C-alpha atoms as a PDB file:
ATOM      1  CA  UNK A   1      26.011 -20.676  34.459  1.00  0.00           C
ATOM      2  CA  UNK A   2      24.037 -19.675  31.354  1.00  0.00           C
ATOM      3  CA  UNK A   3      27.082 -19.702  28.986  1.00  0.00           C
ATOM      4  CA  UNK A   4      27.843 -23.306  29.979  1.00  0.00           C
ATOM      5  CA  UNK A   5      24.230 -24.290  29.349  1.00  0.00           C
ATOM      6  CA  UNK A   6      24.280 -22.543  25.956  1.00  0.00           C
ATOM      7  CA  UNK A   7      27.495 -24.360  25.011  1.00  0.00           C
ATOM      8  CA  UNK A   8      26.015 -27.709  26.067  1.00  0.00           C
ATOM      9  CA  UNK A   9      22.901 -27.133  23.958  1.00  0.00           C
ATOM     10  CA  UNK A  10      24.853 -25.988  20.903  1.00  0.00           C
ATOM     11  CA  UNK A  11      27.163 -29.006  21.100  1.00  0.00           C
ATOM     12  CA  UNK A  12      24.195 -31.388  21.347  1.00  0.00           C
ATOM     13  CA  UNK A  13      24.905 -32.646  24.845  1.00  0.00           C
ATOM     14  CA  UNK A  14      22.262 -33.903  27.244  1.00  0.00           C
ATOM     15  CA  UNK A  15      21.730 -31.762  30.333  1.00  0.00           C
ATOM     16  CA  UNK A  16      20.806 -32.930  33.813  1.00  0.00           C
ATOM     17  CA  UNK A  17      20.203 -30.378  36.552  1.00  0.00           C
ATOM     18  CA  UNK A  18      21.182 -31.794  39.921  1.00  0.00           C
ATOM     19  CA  UNK A  19      20.820 -30.098  43.282  1.00  0.00           C
ATOM     20  CA  UNK A  20      18.943 -29.754  46.521  1.00  0.00           C
ATOM     21  CA  UNK A  21      15.431 -28.328  46.803  1.00  0.00           C
ATOM     22  CA  UNK A  22      15.164 -24.622  46.149  1.00  0.00           C
ATOM     23  CA  UNK A  23      18.216 -24.234  43.906  1.00  0.00           C
ATOM     24  CA  UNK A  24      16.270 -23.027  40.840  1.00  0.00           C
ATOM     25  CA  UNK A  25      16.607 -26.190  38.727  1.00  0.00           C
ATOM     26  CA  UNK A  26      13.076 -25.853  37.380  1.00  0.00           C
ATOM     27  CA  UNK A  27      13.521 -22.148  36.792  1.00  0.00           C
ATOM     28  CA  UNK A  28      16.646 -22.807  34.687  1.00  0.00           C
ATOM     29  CA  UNK A  29      14.842 -25.476  32.675  1.00  0.00           C
ATOM     30  CA  UNK A  30      11.900 -23.146  32.036  1.00  0.00           C
ATOM     31  CA  UNK A  31      14.196 -20.290  31.035  1.00  0.00           C
ATOM     32  CA  UNK A  32      15.771 -22.365  28.231  1.00  0.00           C
ATOM     33  CA  UNK A  33      13.008 -21.214  25.856  1.00  0.00           C
ATOM     34  CA  UNK A  34      14.495 -17.705  26.071  1.00  0.00           C
ATOM     35  CA  UNK A  35      17.532 -19.025  24.171  1.00  0.00           C
ATOM     36  CA  UNK A  36      15.408 -19.875  21.106  1.00  0.00           C
ATOM     37  CA  UNK A  37      15.219 -17.591  18.074  1.00  0.00           C
ATOM     38  CA  UNK A  38      11.972 -15.657  17.695  1.00  0.00           C
ATOM     39  CA  UNK A  39      11.601 -16.645  14.040  1.00  0.00           C
ATOM     40  CA  UNK A  40      12.950 -19.798  12.440  1.00  0.00           C
ATOM     41  CA  UNK A  41      12.871 -19.916   8.615  1.00  0.00           C
ATOM     42  CA  UNK A  42      11.297 -23.024   7.074  1.00  0.00           C
ATOM     43  CA  UNK A  43      10.341 -24.118   3.585  1.00  0.00           C
ATOM     44  CA  UNK A  44       6.565 -23.921   3.210  1.00  0.00           C
ATOM     45  CA  UNK A  45       4.939 -27.266   2.522  1.00  0.00           C
ATOM     46  CA  UNK A  46       7.883 -29.360   3.711  1.00  0.00           C
ATOM     47  CA  UNK A  47       6.971 -32.297   5.962  1.00  0.00           C
ATOM     48  CA  UNK A  48      10.059 -31.835   8.155  1.00  0.00           C
ATOM     49  CA  UNK A  49      10.088 -27.989   8.157  1.00  0.00           C
ATOM     50  CA  UNK A  50      13.384 -27.909   6.296  1.00  0.00           C
ATOM     51  CA  UNK A  51      15.839 -25.013   6.603  1.00  0.00           C
ATOM     52  CA  UNK A  52      15.886 -22.990   3.344  1.00  0.00           C
ATOM     53  CA  UNK A  53      19.584 -22.175   3.810  1.00  0.00           C
ATOM     54  CA  UNK A  54      20.620 -25.837   4.181  1.00  0.00           C
ATOM     55  CA  UNK A  55      17.806 -28.142   3.004  1.00  0.00           C
ATOM     56  CA  UNK A  56      18.036 -31.829   3.873  1.00  0.00           C
ATOM     57  CA  UNK A  57      15.316 -33.527   1.816  1.00  0.00           C
ATOM     58  CA  UNK A  58      15.631 -33.888  -1.961  1.00  0.00           C
ATOM     59  CA  UNK A  59      12.324 -32.168  -2.707  1.00  0.00           C
ATOM     60  CA  UNK A  60      13.414 -29.058  -0.803  1.00  0.00           C
ATOM     61  CA  UNK A  61      16.872 -29.055  -2.422  1.00  0.00           C
ATOM     62  CA  UNK A  62      15.179 -29.191  -5.824  1.00  0.00           C
ATOM     63  CA  UNK A  63      12.778 -26.408  -4.840  1.00  0.00           C
ATOM     64  CA  UNK A  64      15.661 -24.180  -3.696  1.00  0.00           C
ATOM     65  CA  UNK A  65      17.578 -24.933  -6.909  1.00  0.00           C
ATOM     66  CA  UNK A  66      14.559 -23.952  -9.040  1.00  0.00           C
ATOM     67  CA  UNK A  67      13.199 -20.966  -7.117  1.00  0.00           C
ATOM     68  CA  UNK A  68      16.299 -19.652  -5.344  1.00  0.00           C
ATOM     69  CA  UNK A  69      15.587 -16.871  -2.838  1.00  0.00           C
ATOM     70  CA  UNK A  70      11.848 -16.988  -3.583  1.00  0.00           C
ATOM     71  CA  UNK A  71      11.516 -20.200  -1.541  1.00  0.00           C
END
């Protein structure tokens, strides 16, 4: 079941857990945090916590162009 949930999350699909009482729907929803990375790189000072490897905002793209790996 977990690989299908991972694929749904990675593809950006919405997930609805359906089932009778006692079928671990809440437990599966709570265990989704275990799929997150422990550390997520961000550009310091960015309002949207931009990814330094693929910045979205112009200010962060400029900062990466100027400072390179030091960002």
